[in-house]
Amino acid sequence: MPDKQLLHLVIGGELKNVTAIEFADLDKVEFVGAFASYADAHKAWKARAQATVDNAHARYFIIHAHKLLDPSLDADHH
């Protein structure tokens, strides 16, 4: 039986400054994708982060959407 789907979202874009998590323009936030596991989300996050390494203001994030949808899930379960 396959593992339970644990939805993870990867988003990112340019921040207003490098010391805070506030996007410069929400209309330009990139939705990289939705992934069924943390491992898959991490691969996508790493690829986008490496592709934008020359832009100091670019940041990408993994959102554990499954925890937002079902807060009863174990906090340590990926």
PDB file of N, CA and C in Angstrom:
ATOM      1  N   MET A   1       0.844  -1.182   0.000  1.00  0.00           N
ATOM      2  CA  MET A   1       0.000   0.000   0.000  1.00  0.00           C
ATOM      3  C   MET A   1       0.891   1.248   0.000  1.00  0.00           C
ATOM      4  N   PRO A   2       0.617   2.221  -0.868  1.00  0.00           N
ATOM      5  CA  PRO A   2       1.461   3.421  -0.931  1.00  0.00           C
ATOM      6  C   PRO A   2       1.324   4.277   0.323  1.00  0.00           C
ATOM      7  N   ASP A   3       2.359   5.067   0.579  1.00  0.00           N
ATOM      8  CA  ASP A   3       2.315   5.976   1.716  1.00  0.00           C
ATOM      9  C   ASP A   3       1.206   6.995   1.511  1.00  0.00           C
ATOM     10  N   LYS A   4       0.693   7.500   2.627  1.00  0.00           N
ATOM     11  CA  LYS A   4      -0.331   8.538   2.573  1.00  0.00           C
ATOM     12  C   LYS A   4       0.258   9.792   1.914  1.00  0.00           C
ATOM     13  N   GLN A   5      -0.527  10.398   1.043  1.00  0.00           N
ATOM     14  CA  GLN A   5      -0.079  11.630   0.377  1.00  0.00           C
ATOM     15  C   GLN A   5       0.036  12.749   1.409  1.00  0.00           C
ATOM     16  N   LEU A   6       1.211  13.380   1.446  1.00  0.00           N
ATOM     17  CA  LEU A   6       1.443  14.522   2.332  1.00  0.00           C
ATOM     18  C   LEU A   6       1.791  15.712   1.446  1.00  0.00           C
ATOM     19  N   LEU A   7       0.817  16.569   1.239  1.00  0.00           N
ATOM     20  CA  LEU A   7       0.951  17.665   0.284  1.00  0.00           C
ATOM     21  C   LEU A   7       1.973  18.704   0.736  1.00  0.00           C
ATOM     22  N   HIS A   8       2.926  18.972  -0.142  1.00  0.00           N
ATOM     23  CA  HIS A   8       3.943  20.011   0.068  1.00  0.00           C
ATOM     24  C   HIS A   8       3.918  20.938  -1.133  1.00  0.00           C
ATOM     25  N   LEU A   9       3.974  22.246  -0.885  1.00  0.00           N
ATOM     26  CA  LEU A   9       4.010  23.238  -1.949  1.00  0.00           C
ATOM     27  C   LEU A   9       5.375  23.898  -1.948  1.00  0.00           C
ATOM     28  N   VAL A  10       5.889  24.191  -3.126  1.00  0.00           N
ATOM     29  CA  VAL A  10       7.154  24.916  -3.255  1.00  0.00           C
ATOM     30  C   VAL A  10       6.851  26.231  -3.972  1.00  0.00           C
ATOM     31  N   ILE A  11       7.198  27.341  -3.296  1.00  0.00           N
ATOM     32  CA  ILE A  11       6.988  28.670  -3.868  1.00  0.00           C
ATOM     33  C   ILE A  11       8.246  29.494  -3.643  1.00  0.00           C
ATOM     34  N   GLY A  12       8.334  30.591  -4.357  1.00  0.00           N
ATOM     35  CA  GLY A  12       9.473  31.467  -4.135  1.00  0.00           C
ATOM     36  C   GLY A  12       9.429  32.693  -5.006  1.00  0.00           C
ATOM     37  N   GLY A  13      10.443  33.511  -4.824  1.00  0.00           N
ATOM     38  CA  GLY A  13      10.555  34.732  -5.593  1.00  0.00           C
ATOM     39  C   GLY A  13      11.513  35.682  -4.924  1.00  0.00           C
ATOM     40  N   GLU A  14      11.454  36.933  -5.357  1.00  0.00           N
ATOM     41  CA  GLU A  14      12.355  37.941  -4.794  1.00  0.00           C
ATOM     42  C   GLU A  14      11.775  38.533  -3.521  1.00  0.00           C
ATOM     43  N   LEU A  15      12.634  38.619  -2.503  1.00  0.00           N
ATOM     44  CA  LEU A  15      12.239  39.235  -1.245  1.00  0.00           C
ATOM     45  C   LEU A  15      12.554  40.725  -1.278  1.00  0.00           C
ATOM     46  N   LYS A  16      11.830  41.495  -0.442  1.00  0.00           N
ATOM     47  CA  LYS A  16      12.113  42.939  -0.351  1.00  0.00           C
ATOM     48  C   LYS A  16      13.527  43.182   0.139  1.00  0.00           C
ATOM     49  N   ASN A  17      13.944  42.378   1.122  1.00  0.00           N
ATOM     50  CA  ASN A  17      15.327  42.432   1.588  1.00  0.00           C
ATOM     51  C   ASN A  17      15.705  41.057   2.103  1.00  0.00           C
ATOM     52  N   VAL A  18      16.978  40.834   2.296  1.00  0.00           N
ATOM     53  CA  VAL A  18      17.445  39.489   2.643  1.00  0.00           C
ATOM     54  C   VAL A  18      17.270  39.144   4.121  1.00  0.00           C
ATOM     55  N   THR A  19      16.798  40.082   4.921  1.00  0.00           N
ATOM     56  CA  THR A  19      16.667  39.816   6.354  1.00  0.00           C
ATOM     57  C   THR A  19      15.241  39.487   6.780  1.00  0.00           C
ATOM     58  N   ALA A  20      14.281  39.529   5.851  1.00  0.00           N
ATOM     59  CA  ALA A  20      12.892  39.246   6.215  1.00  0.00           C
ATOM     60  C   ALA A  20      12.235  38.413   5.127  1.00  0.00           C
ATOM     61  N   ILE A  21      11.211  37.670   5.519  1.00  0.00           N
ATOM     62  CA  ILE A  21      10.468  36.884   4.541  1.00  0.00           C
ATOM     63  C   ILE A  21       9.246  37.696   4.129  1.00  0.00           C
ATOM     64  N   GLU A  22       9.497  38.628   3.213  1.00  0.00           N
ATOM     65  CA  GLU A  22       8.430  39.450   2.647  1.00  0.00           C
ATOM     66  C   GLU A  22       8.746  39.619   1.168  1.00  0.00           C
ATOM     67  N   PHE A  23       7.844  39.116   0.320  1.00  0.00           N
ATOM     68  CA  PHE A  23       8.087  39.168  -1.108  1.00  0.00           C
ATOM     69  C   PHE A  23       7.986  40.594  -1.634  1.00  0.00           C
ATOM     70  N   ALA A  24       8.849  40.918  -2.589  1.00  0.00           N
ATOM     71  CA  ALA A  24       8.865  42.244  -3.194  1.00  0.00           C
ATOM     72  C   ALA A  24       7.588  42.501  -3.984  1.00  0.00           C
ATOM     73  N   ASP A  25       7.056  41.476  -4.661  1.00  0.00           N
ATOM     74  CA  ASP A  25       5.864  41.628  -5.487  1.00  0.00           C
ATOM     75  C   ASP A  25       5.109  40.297  -5.483  1.00  0.00           C
ATOM     76  N   LEU A  26       3.987  40.249  -4.777  1.00  0.00           N
ATOM     77  CA  LEU A  26       3.228  38.999  -4.672  1.00  0.00           C
ATOM     78  C   LEU A  26       2.741  38.504  -6.034  1.00  0.00           C
ATOM     79  N   ASP A  27       2.546  39.416  -6.988  1.00  0.00           N
ATOM     80  CA  ASP A  27       2.114  39.007  -8.326  1.00  0.00           C
ATOM     81  C   ASP A  27       3.194  38.221  -9.056  1.00  0.00           C
ATOM     82  N   LYS A  28       4.426  38.307  -8.576  1.00  0.00           N
ATOM     83  CA  LYS A  28       5.533  37.616  -9.233  1.00  0.00           C
ATOM     84  C   LYS A  28       6.043  36.414  -8.444  1.00  0.00           C
ATOM     85  N   VAL A  29       5.335  36.031  -7.381  1.00  0.00           N
ATOM     86  CA  VAL A  29       5.721  34.835  -6.629  1.00  0.00           C
ATOM     87  C   VAL A  29       5.513  33.626  -7.536  1.00  0.00           C
ATOM     88  N   GLU A  30       6.528  32.796  -7.586  1.00  0.00           N
ATOM     89  CA  GLU A  30       6.503  31.621  -8.458  1.00  0.00           C
ATOM     90  C   GLU A  30       5.972  30.408  -7.695  1.00  0.00           C
ATOM     91  N   PHE A  31       4.965  29.766  -8.267  1.00  0.00           N
ATOM     92  CA  PHE A  31       4.484  28.494  -7.750  1.00  0.00           C
ATOM     93  C   PHE A  31       5.248  27.415  -8.492  1.00  0.00           C
ATOM     94  N   VAL A  32       6.196  26.785  -7.802  1.00  0.00           N
ATOM     95  CA  VAL A  32       7.031  25.765  -8.430  1.00  0.00           C
ATOM     96  C   VAL A  32       6.232  24.485  -8.624  1.00  0.00           C
ATOM     97  N   GLY A  33       5.443  24.103  -7.607  1.00  0.00           N
ATOM     98  CA  GLY A  33       4.630  22.904  -7.754  1.00  0.00           C
ATOM     99  C   GLY A  33       4.102  22.372  -6.445  1.00  0.00           C
ATOM    100  N   ALA A  34       3.248  21.361  -6.574  1.00  0.00           N
ATOM    101  CA  ALA A  34       2.684  20.631  -5.441  1.00  0.00           C
ATOM    102  C   ALA A  34       3.240  19.212  -5.501  1.00  0.00           C
ATOM    103  N   PHE A  35       3.666  18.707  -4.358  1.00  0.00           N
ATOM    104  CA  PHE A  35       4.341  17.420  -4.317  1.00  0.00           C
ATOM    105  C   PHE A  35       3.759  16.542  -3.212  1.00  0.00           C
ATOM    106  N   ALA A  36       3.746  15.243  -3.452  1.00  0.00           N
ATOM    107  CA  ALA A  36       3.138  14.287  -2.527  1.00  0.00           C
ATOM    108  C   ALA A  36       4.050  13.863  -1.391  1.00  0.00           C
ATOM    109  N   SER A  37       5.307  14.286  -1.442  1.00  0.00           N
ATOM    110  CA  SER A  37       6.233  13.926  -0.366  1.00  0.00           C
ATOM    111  C   SER A  37       7.227  15.062  -0.144  1.00  0.00           C
ATOM    112  N   TYR A  38       7.787  15.088   1.054  1.00  0.00           N
ATOM    113  CA  TYR A  38       8.808  16.090   1.353  1.00  0.00           C
ATOM    114  C   TYR A  38      10.028  15.893   0.465  1.00  0.00           C
ATOM    115  N   ALA A  39      10.400  14.644   0.218  1.00  0.00           N
ATOM    116  CA  ALA A  39      11.584  14.351  -0.606  1.00  0.00           C
ATOM    117  C   ALA A  39      11.431  14.946  -2.005  1.00  0.00           C
ATOM    118  N   ASP A  40      10.257  14.778  -2.614  1.00  0.00           N
ATOM    119  CA  ASP A  40      10.032  15.332  -3.950  1.00  0.00           C
ATOM    120  C   ASP A  40      10.025  16.857  -3.914  1.00  0.00           C
ATOM    121  N   ALA A  41       9.409  17.426  -2.880  1.00  0.00           N
ATOM    122  CA  ALA A  41       9.383  18.886  -2.741  1.00  0.00           C
ATOM    123  C   ALA A  41      10.798  19.422  -2.556  1.00  0.00           C
ATOM    124  N   HIS A  42      11.610  18.735  -1.776  1.00  0.00           N
ATOM    125  CA  HIS A  42      12.974  19.169  -1.522  1.00  0.00           C
ATOM    126  C   HIS A  42      13.801  19.179  -2.807  1.00  0.00           C
ATOM    127  N   LYS A  43      13.593  18.173  -3.666  1.00  0.00           N
ATOM    128  CA  LYS A  43      14.305  18.133  -4.946  1.00  0.00           C
ATOM    129  C   LYS A  43      13.959  19.360  -5.789  1.00  0.00           C
ATOM    130  N   ALA A  44      12.662  19.694  -5.854  1.00  0.00           N
ATOM    131  CA  ALA A  44      12.218  20.852  -6.642  1.00  0.00           C
ATOM    132  C   ALA A  44      12.729  22.148  -6.023  1.00  0.00           C
ATOM    133  N   TRP A  45      12.666  22.242  -4.703  1.00  0.00           N
ATOM    134  CA  TRP A  45      13.166  23.431  -4.003  1.00  0.00           C
ATOM    135  C   TRP A  45      14.660  23.631  -4.292  1.00  0.00           C
ATOM    136  N   LYS A  46      15.423  22.561  -4.180  1.00  0.00           N
ATOM    137  CA  LYS A  46      16.869  22.641  -4.382  1.00  0.00           C
ATOM    138  C   LYS A  46      17.196  23.070  -5.812  1.00  0.00           C
ATOM    139  N   ALA A  47      16.466  22.543  -6.777  1.00  0.00           N
ATOM    140  CA  ALA A  47      16.708  22.896  -8.177  1.00  0.00           C
ATOM    141  C   ALA A  47      16.445  24.384  -8.415  1.00  0.00           C
ATOM    142  N   ARG A  48      15.351  24.916  -7.886  1.00  0.00           N
ATOM    143  CA  ARG A  48      15.039  26.340  -8.078  1.00  0.00           C
ATOM    144  C   ARG A  48      16.015  27.212  -7.302  1.00  0.00           C
ATOM    145  N   ALA A  49      16.363  26.812  -6.093  1.00  0.00           N
ATOM    146  CA  ALA A  49      17.310  27.595  -5.295  1.00  0.00           C
ATOM    147  C   ALA A  49      18.665  27.663  -5.989  1.00  0.00           C
ATOM    148  N   GLN A  50      19.118  26.556  -6.541  1.00  0.00           N
ATOM    149  CA  GLN A  50      20.403  26.546  -7.242  1.00  0.00           C
ATOM    150  C   GLN A  50      20.350  27.354  -8.529  1.00  0.00           C
ATOM    151  N   ALA A  51      19.195  27.355  -9.195  1.00  0.00           N
ATOM    152  CA  ALA A  51      19.054  28.092 -10.452  1.00  0.00           C
ATOM    153  C   ALA A  51      19.057  29.607 -10.232  1.00  0.00           C
ATOM    154  N   THR A  52      18.751  30.027  -9.005  1.00  0.00           N
ATOM    155  CA  THR A  52      18.675  31.466  -8.709  1.00  0.00           C
ATOM    156  C   THR A  52      19.774  31.901  -7.738  1.00  0.00           C
ATOM    157  N   VAL A  53      20.817  31.110  -7.619  1.00  0.00           N
ATOM    158  CA  VAL A  53      21.866  31.364  -6.630  1.00  0.00           C
ATOM    159  C   VAL A  53      22.544  32.721  -6.836  1.00  0.00           C
ATOM    160  N   ASP A  54      22.556  33.244  -8.041  1.00  0.00           N
ATOM    161  CA  ASP A  54      23.191  34.537  -8.304  1.00  0.00           C
ATOM    162  C   ASP A  54      22.341  35.727  -7.861  1.00  0.00           C
ATOM    163  N   ASN A  55      21.083  35.495  -7.520  1.00  0.00           N
ATOM    164  CA  ASN A  55      20.203  36.562  -7.066  1.00  0.00           C
ATOM    165  C   ASN A  55      20.069  36.463  -5.552  1.00  0.00           C
ATOM    166  N   ALA A  56      20.724  37.357  -4.836  1.00  0.00           N
ATOM    167  CA  ALA A  56      20.737  37.307  -3.364  1.00  0.00           C
ATOM    168  C   ALA A  56      19.354  37.481  -2.757  1.00  0.00           C
ATOM    169  N   HIS A  57      18.429  38.095  -3.483  1.00  0.00           N
ATOM    170  CA  HIS A  57      17.094  38.333  -2.948  1.00  0.00           C
ATOM    171  C   HIS A  57      16.105  37.203  -3.268  1.00  0.00           C
ATOM    172  N   ALA A  58      16.498  36.250  -4.090  1.00  0.00           N
ATOM    173  CA  ALA A  58      15.606  35.147  -4.449  1.00  0.00           C
ATOM    174  C   ALA A  58      15.632  34.089  -3.357  1.00  0.00           C
ATOM    175  N   ARG A  59      14.438  33.692  -2.925  1.00  0.00           N
ATOM    176  CA  ARG A  59      14.315  32.643  -1.917  1.00  0.00           C
ATOM    177  C   ARG A  59      13.151  31.733  -2.278  1.00  0.00           C
ATOM    178  N   TYR A  60      13.325  30.455  -2.014  1.00  0.00           N
ATOM    179  CA  TYR A  60      12.277  29.462  -2.257  1.00  0.00           C
ATOM    180  C   TYR A  60      11.983  28.739  -0.954  1.00  0.00           C
ATOM    181  N   PHE A  61      10.731  28.327  -0.801  1.00  0.00           N
ATOM    182  CA  PHE A  61      10.264  27.754   0.453  1.00  0.00           C
ATOM    183  C   PHE A  61       9.436  26.511   0.195  1.00  0.00           C
ATOM    184  N   ILE A  62       9.528  25.571   1.135  1.00  0.00           N
ATOM    185  CA  ILE A  62       8.660  24.396   1.127  1.00  0.00           C
ATOM    186  C   ILE A  62       7.595  24.638   2.190  1.00  0.00           C
ATOM    187  N   ILE A  63       6.341  24.602   1.751  1.00  0.00           N
ATOM    188  CA  ILE A  63       5.215  24.770   2.676  1.00  0.00           C
ATOM    189  C   ILE A  63       4.617  23.397   2.920  1.00  0.00           C
ATOM    190  N   HIS A  64       4.547  23.007   4.167  1.00  0.00           N
ATOM    191  CA  HIS A  64       3.974  21.711   4.545  1.00  0.00           C
ATOM    192  C   HIS A  64       2.455  21.861   4.564  1.00  0.00           C
ATOM    193  N   ALA A  65       1.846  21.871   3.379  1.00  0.00           N
ATOM    194  CA  ALA A  65       0.413  22.142   3.255  1.00  0.00           C
ATOM    195  C   ALA A  65      -0.428  21.083   3.955  1.00  0.00           C
ATOM    196  N   HIS A  66       0.062  19.874   4.037  1.00  0.00           N
ATOM    197  CA  HIS A  66      -0.697  18.815   4.706  1.00  0.00           C
ATOM    198  C   HIS A  66      -0.923  19.151   6.175  1.00  0.00           C
ATOM    199  N   LYS A  67      -0.008  19.888   6.787  1.00  0.00           N
ATOM    200  CA  LYS A  67      -0.173  20.292   8.192  1.00  0.00           C
ATOM    201  C   LYS A  67      -1.219  21.388   8.321  1.00  0.00           C
ATOM    202  N   LEU A  68      -1.354  22.215   7.293  1.00  0.00           N
ATOM    203  CA  LEU A  68      -2.374  23.254   7.299  1.00  0.00           C
ATOM    204  C   LEU A  68      -3.758  22.659   7.051  1.00  0.00           C
ATOM    205  N   LEU A  69      -3.809  21.641   6.200  1.00  0.00           N
ATOM    206  CA  LEU A  69      -5.078  21.002   5.866  1.00  0.00           C
ATOM    207  C   LEU A  69      -5.558  20.079   6.972  1.00  0.00           C
ATOM    208  N   ASP A  70      -4.613  19.445   7.673  1.00  0.00           N
ATOM    209  CA  ASP A  70      -4.958  18.507   8.755  1.00  0.00           C
ATOM    210  C   ASP A  70      -3.956  18.666   9.893  1.00  0.00           C
ATOM    211  N   PRO A  71      -4.213  19.625  10.804  1.00  0.00           N
ATOM    212  CA  PRO A  71      -3.265  19.899  11.895  1.00  0.00           C
ATOM    213  C   PRO A  71      -3.027  18.709  12.830  1.00  0.00           C
ATOM    214  N   SER A  72      -3.839  17.661  12.744  1.00  0.00           N
ATOM    215  CA  SER A  72      -3.654  16.520  13.628  1.00  0.00           C
ATOM    216  C   SER A  72      -2.498  15.623  13.191  1.00  0.00           C
ATOM    217  N   LEU A  73      -1.955  15.878  11.983  1.00  0.00           N
ATOM    218  CA  LEU A  73      -0.838  15.047  11.511  1.00  0.00           C
ATOM    219  C   LEU A  73       0.385  15.250  12.387  1.00  0.00           C
ATOM    220  N   ASP A  74       1.147  14.218  12.556  1.00  0.00           N
ATOM    221  CA  ASP A  74       2.374  14.253  13.349  1.00  0.00           C
ATOM    222  C   ASP A  74       3.319  15.321  12.802  1.00  0.00           C
ATOM    223  N   ALA A  75       3.785  16.213  13.646  1.00  0.00           N
ATOM    224  CA  ALA A  75       4.641  17.329  13.232  1.00  0.00           C
ATOM    225  C   ALA A  75       5.975  16.864  12.666  1.00  0.00           C
ATOM    226  N   ASP A  76       6.446  15.714  13.081  1.00  0.00           N
ATOM    227  CA  ASP A  76       7.751  15.229  12.609  1.00  0.00           C
ATOM    228  C   ASP A  76       7.643  14.305  11.403  1.00  0.00           C
ATOM    229  N   HIS A  77       6.449  14.028  10.946  1.00  0.00           N
ATOM    230  CA  HIS A  77       6.265  13.076   9.850  1.00  0.00           C
ATOM    231  C   HIS A  77       6.433  13.768   8.516  1.00  0.00           C
ATOM    232  N   HIS A  78       7.392  13.325   7.715  1.00  0.00           N
ATOM    233  CA  HIS A  78       7.585  13.862   6.360  1.00  0.00           C
ATOM    234  C   HIS A  78       7.072  12.845   5.417  1.00  0.00           C
TER     235      HIS A  78
END
